[in-house]
């Protein structure tokens, strides 16, 4: 019997083996909504208790007030996550025209988020450095230890500063020519920022500040539902994940190699100008 060759899509995959099933169609529409909503939930669970505790510390005089740039960062990050969630809902409900219009907002929010992020890192670092220099001798050792941790966390912040705009650019470039890549890259672009929330959830396992392993694993955990459904659905790994892995893996390796090394501590302080 002659077998007719089936067409392949631009990612090299054959026909979807679950096509036409009601359950598959439902998950196709809502898996991206679920993933984006989970990002928002993780952020809220991580940051709300931490922020409330810090606000109380400010009110009691136990710590300095938050700098303006921190408020801007929080607003922009929250806006981007809500935009991402709204966009996935619009696609799931078939409102593509509104999805495209709302997408223009990301062209403003995303660059602003990157810019504010690069201002925030030295602002927070210098606040800690100044506190260490002004602290009495008996408190200085503890504050300087905290600066060593801040040096290492800077590696994770730099990862976000590099990967977020790069992955986002790839996703935006693909919005007309490769919609499947576009929608996945928009979600994957913000995933490297999630460890900032995961690390604030005190009741989950963490390797911090000793090792950056848990941030790496939590990034993978956050995107796992979307990834696993794609593999089950298409019996292959989508191009978006290969791009994400190809860009992210070298950065993760570099972070592990530099983590808590004397050379990195020296370089970090040179970068911060202290």
Protein backbone atom coordinates (compact mmCIF):
# COMPACT_ATOMS: atom_id res chain seq x y z
CA UNK A 1 0.00 0.00 0.00
CA UNK A 2 1.32 3.41 -0.93
CA UNK A 3 1.71 5.94 1.89
CA UNK A 4 1.18 9.56 0.98
CA UNK A 5 3.82 11.81 2.51
CA UNK A 6 2.33 14.35 4.88
CA UNK A 7 3.41 18.00 4.67
CA UNK A 8 5.76 19.37 7.29
CA UNK A 9 5.46 22.77 8.89
CA UNK A 10 8.32 25.27 8.98
CA UNK A 11 9.60 23.74 12.25
CA UNK A 12 9.97 20.38 10.53
CA UNK A 13 7.04 18.72 12.32
CA UNK A 14 4.43 16.49 10.76
CA UNK A 15 0.67 16.74 11.30
CA UNK A 16 -0.50 17.08 14.88
CA UNK A 17 -1.51 13.59 16.09
CA UNK A 18 -4.17 15.08 18.40
CA UNK A 19 -5.80 17.32 15.81
CA UNK A 20 -9.57 17.33 15.88
CA UNK A 21 -9.98 16.18 19.47
CA UNK A 22 -12.06 18.43 21.69
CA UNK A 23 -9.67 18.21 24.64
CA UNK A 24 -6.64 19.09 22.51
CA UNK A 25 -8.39 22.12 21.07
CA UNK A 26 -9.28 23.37 24.55
CA UNK A 27 -5.72 22.95 25.87
CA UNK A 28 -4.30 24.56 22.74
CA UNK A 29 -6.31 27.69 23.48
CA UNK A 30 -5.69 27.86 27.20
CA UNK A 31 -2.23 26.39 27.95
CA UNK A 32 -0.59 29.73 27.18
CA UNK A 33 -3.15 31.53 29.35
CA UNK A 34 -2.42 29.08 32.16
CA UNK A 35 1.33 29.64 31.85
CA UNK A 36 1.01 33.44 31.81
CA UNK A 37 -1.41 33.32 34.77
CA UNK A 38 1.02 31.11 36.70
CA UNK A 39 3.75 33.74 36.17
CA UNK A 40 1.46 36.37 37.69
CA UNK A 41 0.57 34.08 40.60
CA UNK A 42 4.21 33.26 41.39
CA UNK A 43 5.05 36.97 41.33
CA UNK A 44 2.22 37.81 43.73
CA UNK A 45 3.04 34.94 46.11
CA UNK A 46 6.70 35.91 46.16
CA UNK A 47 6.50 39.67 46.34
CA UNK A 48 3.40 40.51 48.39
CA UNK A 49 4.59 39.10 51.76
CA UNK A 50 8.15 40.33 51.12
CA UNK A 51 6.95 43.81 50.18
CA UNK A 52 4.62 44.06 53.19
CA UNK A 53 7.48 43.12 55.52
CA UNK A 54 9.76 45.73 53.95
CA UNK A 55 7.06 48.41 54.11
CA UNK A 56 6.67 47.70 57.82
CA UNK A 57 10.45 47.96 58.24
CA UNK A 58 10.40 51.35 56.50
CA UNK A 59 7.58 52.57 58.72
CA UNK A 60 9.44 51.52 61.89
CA UNK A 61 12.69 53.09 60.67
CA UNK A 62 14.46 49.74 60.38
CA UNK A 63 15.35 50.40 56.74
CA UNK A 64 15.54 53.31 54.34
CA UNK A 65 12.52 54.20 52.16
CA UNK A 66 12.29 52.57 48.75
CA UNK A 67 13.93 54.53 45.92
CA UNK A 68 11.63 55.83 43.19
CA UNK A 69 13.22 53.58 40.58
CA UNK A 70 12.13 50.52 42.57
CA UNK A 71 8.50 51.65 42.42
CA UNK A 72 8.84 52.22 38.67
CA UNK A 73 10.33 48.77 38.19
CA UNK A 74 7.49 47.14 40.12
CA UNK A 75 4.87 49.01 38.08
CA UNK A 76 6.49 48.16 34.75
CA UNK A 77 7.05 44.51 35.60
CA UNK A 78 3.47 44.16 36.81
CA UNK A 79 2.22 45.89 33.67
CA UNK A 80 4.21 43.60 31.39
CA UNK A 81 2.97 40.45 33.16
CA UNK A 82 -0.63 41.64 32.98
CA UNK A 83 -0.18 42.54 29.31
CA UNK A 84 1.17 39.06 28.67
CA UNK A 85 -1.82 37.49 30.43
CA UNK A 86 -4.28 39.73 28.58
CA UNK A 87 -2.68 38.92 25.24
CA UNK A 88 -2.91 35.17 25.79
CA UNK A 89 -6.59 35.52 26.81
CA UNK A 90 -7.35 37.56 23.69
CA UNK A 91 -5.79 34.91 21.46
CA UNK A 92 -7.58 32.10 23.31
CA UNK A 93 -10.91 33.84 22.82
CA UNK A 94 -10.30 34.63 19.17
CA UNK A 95 -9.95 38.41 19.46
CA UNK A 96 -6.87 38.69 17.27
CA UNK A 97 -7.45 42.27 16.14
CA UNK A 98 -7.52 43.56 19.71
CA UNK A 99 -4.53 41.37 20.49
CA UNK A 100 -2.51 43.14 17.80
CA UNK A 101 -3.56 46.59 18.99
CA UNK A 102 -2.74 45.84 22.61
CA UNK A 103 0.58 44.38 21.55
CA UNK A 104 1.76 47.86 20.65
CA UNK A 105 1.86 48.65 24.36
CA UNK A 106 4.63 46.10 24.85
CA UNK A 107 6.81 48.15 22.49
CA UNK A 108 6.73 50.89 25.12
CA UNK A 109 6.66 48.86 28.35
CA UNK A 110 9.45 46.43 27.46
CA UNK A 111 12.20 49.00 26.64
CA UNK A 112 11.20 51.02 29.70
CA UNK A 113 11.46 47.89 31.85
CA UNK A 114 14.95 47.14 30.58
CA UNK A 115 16.11 50.73 31.10
CA UNK A 116 14.70 50.95 34.62
CA UNK A 117 16.22 47.57 35.46
CA UNK A 118 19.70 48.75 34.55
CA UNK A 119 19.18 51.84 36.72
CA UNK A 120 17.74 49.83 39.62
CA UNK A 121 20.68 47.43 40.02
CA UNK A 122 23.36 50.05 40.78
CA UNK A 123 20.88 52.12 42.81
CA UNK A 124 20.18 49.25 45.21
CA UNK A 125 23.81 48.17 45.24
CA UNK A 126 25.09 51.64 46.11
CA UNK A 127 22.52 51.93 48.90
CA UNK A 128 23.94 48.76 50.45
CA UNK A 129 27.52 49.94 49.92
CA UNK A 130 26.85 53.30 51.52
CA UNK A 131 25.18 51.57 54.47
CA UNK A 132 28.24 49.38 54.94
CA UNK A 133 30.59 52.36 54.96
CA UNK A 134 28.44 54.25 57.47
CA UNK A 135 27.75 51.30 59.75
CA UNK A 136 29.50 50.88 63.12
CA UNK A 137 32.34 48.32 63.13
CA UNK A 138 30.27 45.65 64.89
CA UNK A 139 27.59 45.78 62.17
CA UNK A 140 29.84 46.28 59.18
CA UNK A 141 30.83 42.62 58.79
CA UNK A 142 27.23 41.52 58.35
CA UNK A 143 26.46 44.25 55.85
CA UNK A 144 29.58 43.45 53.83
CA UNK A 145 28.53 39.81 53.76
CA UNK A 146 25.25 41.00 52.31
CA UNK A 147 27.17 42.89 49.64
CA UNK A 148 28.91 39.66 48.68
CA UNK A 149 25.49 38.09 48.18
CA UNK A 150 24.43 41.16 46.17
CA UNK A 151 27.46 40.62 43.90
CA UNK A 152 26.20 37.13 43.09
CA UNK A 153 22.58 38.17 42.66
CA UNK A 154 23.83 40.73 40.14
CA UNK A 155 24.69 37.79 37.88
CA UNK A 156 21.02 36.76 37.87
CA UNK A 157 19.99 40.35 37.25
CA UNK A 158 22.38 40.64 34.33
CA UNK A 159 20.94 37.42 32.91
CA UNK A 160 17.50 39.01 32.86
CA UNK A 161 18.92 42.21 31.39
CA UNK A 162 20.46 40.27 28.51
CA UNK A 163 17.94 37.49 27.87
CA UNK A 164 14.69 39.45 28.23
CA UNK A 165 15.30 41.98 25.43
CA UNK A 166 16.98 39.41 23.19
CA UNK A 167 14.23 36.79 23.46
CA UNK A 168 11.57 39.47 23.22
CA UNK A 169 13.15 40.84 20.04
CA UNK A 170 13.09 37.37 18.49
CA UNK A 171 9.46 36.96 19.47
CA UNK A 172 8.40 40.33 18.09
CA UNK A 173 10.24 39.76 14.83
CA UNK A 174 8.29 36.52 14.37
CA UNK A 175 4.81 37.93 15.05
CA UNK A 176 3.78 38.06 11.38
CA UNK A 177 5.84 35.27 9.83
CA UNK A 178 5.92 32.62 12.57
CA UNK A 179 3.03 33.03 15.04
CA UNK A 180 3.86 29.82 16.89
CA UNK A 181 7.35 31.08 17.67
CA UNK A 182 6.01 34.53 18.54
CA UNK A 183 3.57 33.44 21.23
CA UNK A 184 6.06 31.09 22.88
CA UNK A 185 8.96 33.54 22.85
CA UNK A 186 6.85 36.28 24.41
CA UNK A 187 6.26 33.99 27.39
CA UNK A 188 9.79 32.56 27.48
CA UNK A 189 11.31 36.06 27.42
CA UNK A 190 10.06 36.94 30.90
CA UNK A 191 10.70 33.51 32.47
CA UNK A 192 14.32 34.35 33.49
CA UNK A 193 12.94 37.12 35.73
CA UNK A 194 10.80 34.75 37.80
CA UNK A 195 13.57 33.59 40.20
CA UNK A 196 13.28 37.01 41.86
CA UNK A 197 9.80 35.91 42.98
CA UNK A 198 10.62 32.26 43.63
CA UNK A 199 13.53 33.25 45.89
CA UNK A 200 11.12 35.25 48.07
CA UNK A 201 8.83 32.26 48.67
CA UNK A 202 10.35 31.02 51.89
CA UNK A 203 8.48 27.71 52.08
CA UNK A 204 9.87 26.19 48.86
CA UNK A 205 13.35 24.60 48.51
CA UNK A 206 16.19 26.92 47.54
CA UNK A 207 19.92 26.66 46.98
CA UNK A 208 20.37 30.42 47.37
CA UNK A 209 22.64 32.14 48.21
CA UNK A 210 25.11 29.25 48.06
CA UNK A 211 24.32 28.22 44.50
CA UNK A 212 22.25 29.54 41.55
CA UNK A 213 20.90 26.05 40.85
CA UNK A 214 17.39 26.62 42.23
CA UNK A 215 16.80 29.76 40.11
CA UNK A 216 17.70 27.71 37.03
CA UNK A 217 15.35 24.89 38.03
CA UNK A 218 12.47 27.22 38.84
CA UNK A 219 12.72 28.84 35.41
CA UNK A 220 12.34 25.37 33.87
CA UNK A 221 9.49 24.54 36.24
CA UNK A 222 7.64 27.72 35.30
CA UNK A 223 7.65 26.91 31.57
CA UNK A 224 7.22 23.14 32.00
CA UNK A 225 3.41 23.00 31.45
CA UNK A 226 3.68 24.79 28.11
CA UNK A 227 6.73 22.77 27.06
CA UNK A 228 5.28 19.38 28.04
CA UNK A 229 2.02 20.05 26.25
CA UNK A 230 3.90 21.02 23.10
CA UNK A 231 5.90 17.79 23.21
CA UNK A 232 2.80 15.67 23.82
CA UNK A 233 0.83 17.55 21.17
CA UNK A 234 3.40 17.53 18.40
CA UNK A 235 5.77 14.69 19.38
CA UNK A 236 8.65 17.09 18.93
CA UNK A 237 10.34 20.06 20.57
CA UNK A 238 9.21 23.38 19.15
CA UNK A 239 11.80 25.69 17.63
CA UNK A 240 11.15 28.25 20.39
CA UNK A 241 12.55 25.94 23.06
CA UNK A 242 15.69 25.20 21.07
CA UNK A 243 16.28 28.94 20.70
CA UNK A 244 15.60 29.50 24.40
CA UNK A 245 17.96 26.69 25.40
CA UNK A 246 20.66 27.75 22.95
CA UNK A 247 20.71 31.29 24.33
CA UNK A 248 20.04 30.53 28.00
CA UNK A 249 22.36 27.57 28.57
CA UNK A 250 25.67 29.41 27.92
CA UNK A 251 24.54 32.23 30.18
CA UNK A 252 23.59 29.77 32.95
CA UNK A 253 26.96 28.03 32.65
CA UNK A 254 28.78 31.35 32.91
CA UNK A 255 26.78 32.25 36.03
CA UNK A 256 27.71 28.96 37.72
CA UNK A 257 31.38 29.40 36.84
CA UNK A 258 31.50 32.98 38.17
CA UNK A 259 29.28 32.48 41.23
CA UNK A 260 30.98 33.59 44.46
CA UNK A 261 34.47 33.64 42.95
CA UNK A 262 36.98 36.29 44.05
CA UNK A 263 37.35 37.38 40.45
CA UNK A 264 33.63 38.01 40.08
CA UNK A 265 33.41 39.93 43.38
CA UNK A 266 36.19 42.19 42.14
CA UNK A 267 34.59 42.62 38.73
CA UNK A 268 31.14 43.29 40.21
CA UNK A 269 32.46 46.12 42.36
CA UNK A 270 34.34 47.57 39.44
CA UNK A 271 31.12 47.51 37.40
CA UNK A 272 29.32 49.28 40.25
CA UNK A 273 32.12 51.84 40.55
CA UNK A 274 32.87 51.19 44.23
